[in-house]
């Protein structure tokens, strides 16, 4: 399940272009993450997201093996969105949606 730092620079460039075309900036952006239900991963994610002003919610999977995390945050530009994704990419076994 590990996808640690697997996204290329090309991916982020394409993603930034898509974000520029798909919504107005500044604006709200909703991040979605899935992590194993282990305290370490959740604590790491919370620590990163605590650096940003936004609303965070957690939902356990039906098997209680995974936690879905939703984070809504007002950003100035697509590069701000990508900054958060890059920061959380250091967490083992995180899936960014």
C-alpha atoms as a PDB file:
ATOM      1  CA  UNK A   1       0.000   0.000   0.000  1.00  0.00           C
ATOM      2  CA  UNK A   2       2.985   2.303   0.247  1.00  0.00           C
ATOM      3  CA  UNK A   3       2.966   5.056  -2.332  1.00  0.00           C
ATOM      4  CA  UNK A   4       5.551   7.139  -0.529  1.00  0.00           C
ATOM      5  CA  UNK A   5       6.943   9.842  -2.801  1.00  0.00           C
ATOM      6  CA  UNK A   6       5.993   8.012  -5.996  1.00  0.00           C
ATOM      7  CA  UNK A   7       4.530  10.997  -7.800  1.00  0.00           C
ATOM      8  CA  UNK A   8       6.751  12.563 -10.430  1.00  0.00           C
ATOM      9  CA  UNK A   9       7.334  16.215 -11.200  1.00  0.00           C
ATOM     10  CA  UNK A  10       5.358  15.703 -14.424  1.00  0.00           C
ATOM     11  CA  UNK A  11       2.394  14.512 -12.384  1.00  0.00           C
ATOM     12  CA  UNK A  12       2.474  17.638 -10.225  1.00  0.00           C
ATOM     13  CA  UNK A  13       2.808  19.919 -13.270  1.00  0.00           C
ATOM     14  CA  UNK A  14      -0.222  18.303 -14.940  1.00  0.00           C
ATOM     15  CA  UNK A  15      -2.154  18.405 -11.674  1.00  0.00           C
ATOM     16  CA  UNK A  16      -1.381  22.114 -11.236  1.00  0.00           C
ATOM     17  CA  UNK A  17      -2.657  22.838 -14.766  1.00  0.00           C
ATOM     18  CA  UNK A  18      -5.843  20.887 -14.065  1.00  0.00           C
ATOM     19  CA  UNK A  19      -6.411  22.791 -10.830  1.00  0.00           C
ATOM     20  CA  UNK A  20      -5.913  26.124 -12.613  1.00  0.00           C
ATOM     21  CA  UNK A  21      -8.554  25.185 -15.169  1.00  0.00           C
ATOM     22  CA  UNK A  22     -11.044  23.545 -12.829  1.00  0.00           C
ATOM     23  CA  UNK A  23     -11.718  26.174 -10.181  1.00  0.00           C
ATOM     24  CA  UNK A  24     -11.297  29.780  -9.123  1.00  0.00           C
ATOM     25  CA  UNK A  25      -8.418  30.878  -6.915  1.00  0.00           C
ATOM     26  CA  UNK A  26      -8.213  31.606  -4.055  1.00  0.00           C
ATOM     27  CA  UNK A  27     -10.753  29.085  -2.867  1.00  0.00           C
ATOM     28  CA  UNK A  28     -11.589  26.121  -0.697  1.00  0.00           C
ATOM     29  CA  UNK A  29      -9.979  22.789  -1.507  1.00  0.00           C
ATOM     30  CA  UNK A  30     -11.006  19.417  -0.139  1.00  0.00           C
ATOM     31  CA  UNK A  31      -8.231  16.894   0.444  1.00  0.00           C
ATOM     32  CA  UNK A  32      -8.979  13.206   0.933  1.00  0.00           C
ATOM     33  CA  UNK A  33      -6.523  10.748   2.438  1.00  0.00           C
ATOM     34  CA  UNK A  34      -6.693   7.111   3.476  1.00  0.00           C
ATOM     35  CA  UNK A  35      -4.297   5.693   6.065  1.00  0.00           C
ATOM     36  CA  UNK A  36      -4.009   2.434   7.948  1.00  0.00           C
ATOM     37  CA  UNK A  37      -5.681   2.584  11.327  1.00  0.00           C
ATOM     38  CA  UNK A  38      -2.394   2.950  13.147  1.00  0.00           C
ATOM     39  CA  UNK A  39      -1.780   5.713  15.624  1.00  0.00           C
ATOM     40  CA  UNK A  40       1.555   6.703  14.094  1.00  0.00           C
ATOM     41  CA  UNK A  41       0.179   7.487  10.635  1.00  0.00           C
ATOM     42  CA  UNK A  42      -2.790   9.456  11.974  1.00  0.00           C
ATOM     43  CA  UNK A  43      -0.547  11.402  14.361  1.00  0.00           C
ATOM     44  CA  UNK A  44       1.845  12.270  11.525  1.00  0.00           C
ATOM     45  CA  UNK A  45      -1.014  13.445   9.319  1.00  0.00           C
ATOM     46  CA  UNK A  46      -2.589  15.508  12.104  1.00  0.00           C
ATOM     47  CA  UNK A  47       0.757  17.146  12.844  1.00  0.00           C
ATOM     48  CA  UNK A  48       1.155  18.226   9.213  1.00  0.00           C
ATOM     49  CA  UNK A  49      -2.437  19.411   8.811  1.00  0.00           C
ATOM     50  CA  UNK A  50      -2.302  21.329  12.113  1.00  0.00           C
ATOM     51  CA  UNK A  51      -0.020  23.781  10.279  1.00  0.00           C
ATOM     52  CA  UNK A  52      -2.998  24.843   8.175  1.00  0.00           C
ATOM     53  CA  UNK A  53      -6.271  26.485   9.099  1.00  0.00           C
ATOM     54  CA  UNK A  54      -9.064  24.158   8.049  1.00  0.00           C
ATOM     55  CA  UNK A  55     -11.658  21.578   9.001  1.00  0.00           C
ATOM     56  CA  UNK A  56     -10.634  17.961   9.430  1.00  0.00           C
ATOM     57  CA  UNK A  57     -12.819  14.886   9.833  1.00  0.00           C
ATOM     58  CA  UNK A  58     -12.103  11.186  10.260  1.00  0.00           C
ATOM     59  CA  UNK A  59     -14.121   8.116   9.345  1.00  0.00           C
ATOM     60  CA  UNK A  60     -13.168   4.498  10.044  1.00  0.00           C
ATOM     61  CA  UNK A  61     -13.705   1.842   7.409  1.00  0.00           C
ATOM     62  CA  UNK A  62     -16.259  -0.881   8.078  1.00  0.00           C
ATOM     63  CA  UNK A  63     -13.416  -3.279   8.909  1.00  0.00           C
ATOM     64  CA  UNK A  64     -11.706  -0.648  11.115  1.00  0.00           C
ATOM     65  CA  UNK A  65      -8.437  -1.273   9.261  1.00  0.00           C
ATOM     66  CA  UNK A  66      -8.335   2.120   7.560  1.00  0.00           C
ATOM     67  CA  UNK A  67      -9.280   5.696   8.307  1.00  0.00           C
ATOM     68  CA  UNK A  68     -10.528   8.150   5.726  1.00  0.00           C
ATOM     69  CA  UNK A  69      -9.445  11.720   6.417  1.00  0.00           C
ATOM     70  CA  UNK A  70     -11.119  14.743   4.841  1.00  0.00           C
ATOM     71  CA  UNK A  71      -9.488  18.135   5.164  1.00  0.00           C
ATOM     72  CA  UNK A  72     -11.005  21.374   3.841  1.00  0.00           C
ATOM     73  CA  UNK A  73      -8.669  24.317   3.639  1.00  0.00           C
ATOM     74  CA  UNK A  74      -8.717  27.715   1.929  1.00  0.00           C
ATOM     75  CA  UNK A  75      -5.782  28.007  -0.461  1.00  0.00           C
ATOM     76  CA  UNK A  76      -4.434  30.844  -2.570  1.00  0.00           C
ATOM     77  CA  UNK A  77      -3.324  28.853  -5.595  1.00  0.00           C
ATOM     78  CA  UNK A  78      -2.806  25.344  -6.986  1.00  0.00           C
ATOM     79  CA  UNK A  79       0.799  25.429  -5.769  1.00  0.00           C
ATOM     80  CA  UNK A  80      -0.542  25.668  -2.201  1.00  0.00           C
ATOM     81  CA  UNK A  81      -2.623  22.528  -2.816  1.00  0.00           C
ATOM     82  CA  UNK A  82       0.398  20.668  -4.132  1.00  0.00           C
ATOM     83  CA  UNK A  83       2.498  21.801  -1.174  1.00  0.00           C
ATOM     84  CA  UNK A  84       0.185  19.943   1.221  1.00  0.00           C
ATOM     85  CA  UNK A  85       0.212  16.799  -0.935  1.00  0.00           C
ATOM     86  CA  UNK A  86       4.021  16.851  -1.005  1.00  0.00           C
ATOM     87  CA  UNK A  87       4.201  17.269   2.781  1.00  0.00           C
ATOM     88  CA  UNK A  88       1.930  14.306   3.504  1.00  0.00           C
ATOM     89  CA  UNK A  89       3.695  12.101   0.944  1.00  0.00           C
ATOM     90  CA  UNK A  90       6.398  11.353   3.533  1.00  0.00           C
ATOM     91  CA  UNK A  91       3.894   9.319   5.575  1.00  0.00           C
ATOM     92  CA  UNK A  92       4.199   5.590   5.008  1.00  0.00           C
ATOM     93  CA  UNK A  93       1.121   3.883   3.627  1.00  0.00           C
ATOM     94  CA  UNK A  94      -0.885   7.031   2.886  1.00  0.00           C
ATOM     95  CA  UNK A  95      -3.159   7.206  -0.121  1.00  0.00           C
ATOM     96  CA  UNK A  96      -3.958  10.687  -1.405  1.00  0.00           C
ATOM     97  CA  UNK A  97      -7.166  10.982  -3.387  1.00  0.00           C
END
